[in-house]
Amino acid sequence: MDDAPQPADLPANIRFLRVLVTALAVTMIAGLLTIVGLLVMRFSADTEKSAASAPTGPAAAGLPGLAELAAGLDLPAGAALRSISVVDDLVIVVTEDARLLVLDRTTGALRQNVALDPAQ
């Protein structure tokens, strides 16, 4: 009743092809699982890094926002605030008279005063 040839009855080249196809399928599945595993590890590592290096700005550290920080700055006489930026432990202020003031964030002390060339 069963007309299908038994594995022992198959020619040698057909047995070889059957083994080869099985080995290639196993290799392809293993490669796919490896790629998926690497992607999962990479994305979970990026998530941990971004959580570890979460925003360190004024709002994240519980420090006053830029408006409160600007109001509390002790600027040199005649300096009118144009823009302000916070970088690590520095407060960088650009004044209306084209000066760049670098202040210490914790003490408010002036670290550097740079005169900028006005735009032509």
Protein backbone atom coordinates (compact mmCIF):
# COMPACT_ATOMS: atom_id res chain seq x y z
CA MET A 1 0.00 0.00 0.00
CA ASP A 2 2.78 2.45 0.79
CA ASP A 3 4.48 3.26 -2.50
CA ALA A 4 6.89 5.83 -1.00
CA PRO A 5 10.48 4.60 -1.07
CA GLN A 6 12.08 3.92 2.28
CA PRO A 7 15.10 6.06 3.28
CA ALA A 8 17.43 3.12 2.75
CA ASP A 9 16.11 2.69 -0.77
CA LEU A 10 16.91 6.28 -1.82
CA PRO A 11 19.91 6.89 -4.06
CA ALA A 12 23.04 8.27 -2.39
CA ASN A 13 22.79 11.72 -3.99
CA ILE A 14 19.20 12.16 -2.74
CA ARG A 15 20.23 11.15 0.80
CA PHE A 16 23.11 13.66 0.60
CA LEU A 17 20.74 16.43 -0.55
CA ARG A 18 18.31 15.62 2.26
CA VAL A 19 21.10 15.88 4.87
CA LEU A 20 22.42 19.07 3.26
CA VAL A 21 19.00 20.78 3.25
CA THR A 22 18.44 19.81 6.89
CA ALA A 23 21.87 21.16 7.92
CA LEU A 24 21.30 24.42 6.04
CA ALA A 25 17.87 24.86 7.65
CA VAL A 26 19.35 24.32 11.13
CA THR A 27 22.16 26.81 10.36
CA MET A 28 19.68 29.41 9.10
CA ILE A 29 17.48 29.06 12.19
CA ALA A 30 20.52 29.34 14.49
CA GLY A 31 21.68 32.48 12.64
CA LEU A 32 18.25 34.06 12.88
CA LEU A 33 18.08 33.35 16.61
CA THR A 34 21.56 34.83 17.05
CA ILE A 35 20.60 38.03 15.23
CA VAL A 36 17.39 38.41 17.26
CA GLY A 37 19.34 37.81 20.48
CA LEU A 38 21.95 40.41 19.57
CA LEU A 39 19.28 42.98 18.73
CA VAL A 40 17.54 42.38 22.05
CA MET A 41 20.81 42.72 23.97
CA ARG A 42 21.80 45.87 22.05
CA PHE A 43 18.48 47.62 22.60
CA SER A 44 18.30 46.67 26.27
CA ALA A 45 21.87 47.97 26.75
CA ASP A 46 20.92 51.28 25.08
CA THR A 47 17.89 51.56 27.36
CA GLU A 48 20.04 50.99 30.44
CA LYS A 49 22.57 53.57 29.23
CA SER A 50 19.91 56.17 28.54
CA ALA A 51 18.34 55.51 31.94
CA ALA A 52 21.74 55.82 33.60
CA SER A 53 22.52 59.01 31.72
CA ALA A 54 19.06 60.49 32.10
CA PRO A 55 18.80 64.25 31.73
CA THR A 56 21.19 66.02 34.03
CA GLY A 57 19.88 69.49 33.38
CA PRO A 58 18.50 71.84 36.01
CA ALA A 59 15.01 70.37 36.04
CA ALA A 60 16.23 66.78 36.35
CA ALA A 61 18.53 67.58 39.26
CA GLY A 62 15.82 69.40 41.17
CA LEU A 63 17.61 72.68 40.52
CA PRO A 64 15.82 75.84 39.45
CA GLY A 65 14.84 76.18 35.82
CA LEU A 66 16.60 78.58 33.47
CA ALA A 67 14.25 81.45 34.30
CA GLU A 68 14.98 81.15 38.01
CA LEU A 69 18.67 80.64 37.29
CA ALA A 70 18.80 83.76 35.11
CA ALA A 71 17.04 85.81 37.77
CA GLY A 72 19.58 84.71 40.37
CA LEU A 73 22.69 85.49 38.31
CA ASP A 74 25.03 88.20 39.48
CA LEU A 75 26.03 89.70 36.12
CA PRO A 76 28.71 92.36 35.77
CA ALA A 77 27.52 95.98 35.68
CA GLY A 78 25.95 96.95 32.36
CA ALA A 79 25.48 93.36 31.19
CA ALA A 80 21.98 92.61 29.91
CA LEU A 81 21.09 88.95 29.46
CA ARG A 82 20.47 87.81 25.87
CA SER A 83 20.66 84.02 26.26
CA ILE A 84 21.70 81.47 28.83
CA SER A 85 22.85 77.87 28.69
CA VAL A 86 23.85 75.33 31.32
CA VAL A 87 26.64 72.84 30.59
CA ASP A 88 27.75 70.49 33.37
CA ASP A 89 28.93 72.81 36.17
CA LEU A 90 29.02 75.95 34.00
CA VAL A 91 26.47 78.62 33.19
CA ILE A 92 27.17 80.30 29.85
CA VAL A 93 25.59 83.70 29.34
CA VAL A 94 25.51 85.76 26.15
CA THR A 95 24.91 89.44 26.84
CA GLU A 96 23.32 92.12 24.66
CA ASP A 97 26.67 93.89 24.30
CA ALA A 98 28.21 90.80 22.58
CA ARG A 99 30.05 89.28 25.51
CA LEU A 100 30.20 85.66 26.53
CA LEU A 101 30.31 85.13 30.29
CA VAL A 102 31.24 81.74 31.70
CA LEU A 103 30.08 81.43 35.31
CA ASP A 104 30.53 78.66 37.85
CA ARG A 105 27.16 77.01 38.40
CA THR A 106 27.52 76.43 42.12
CA THR A 107 29.29 79.59 43.25
CA GLY A 108 28.21 82.00 40.52
CA ALA A 109 31.81 83.21 40.19
CA LEU A 110 32.88 84.57 36.82
CA ARG A 111 35.35 82.14 35.24
CA GLN A 112 35.80 83.81 31.88
CA ASN A 113 34.66 86.94 30.04
CA VAL A 114 35.02 86.79 26.24
CA ALA A 115 34.26 89.72 23.94
CA LEU A 116 32.54 88.50 20.77
CA ASP A 117 32.80 90.21 17.39
CA PRO A 118 29.42 91.71 16.58
CA ALA A 119 27.74 90.34 13.47
CA GLN A 120 28.54 92.35 10.37
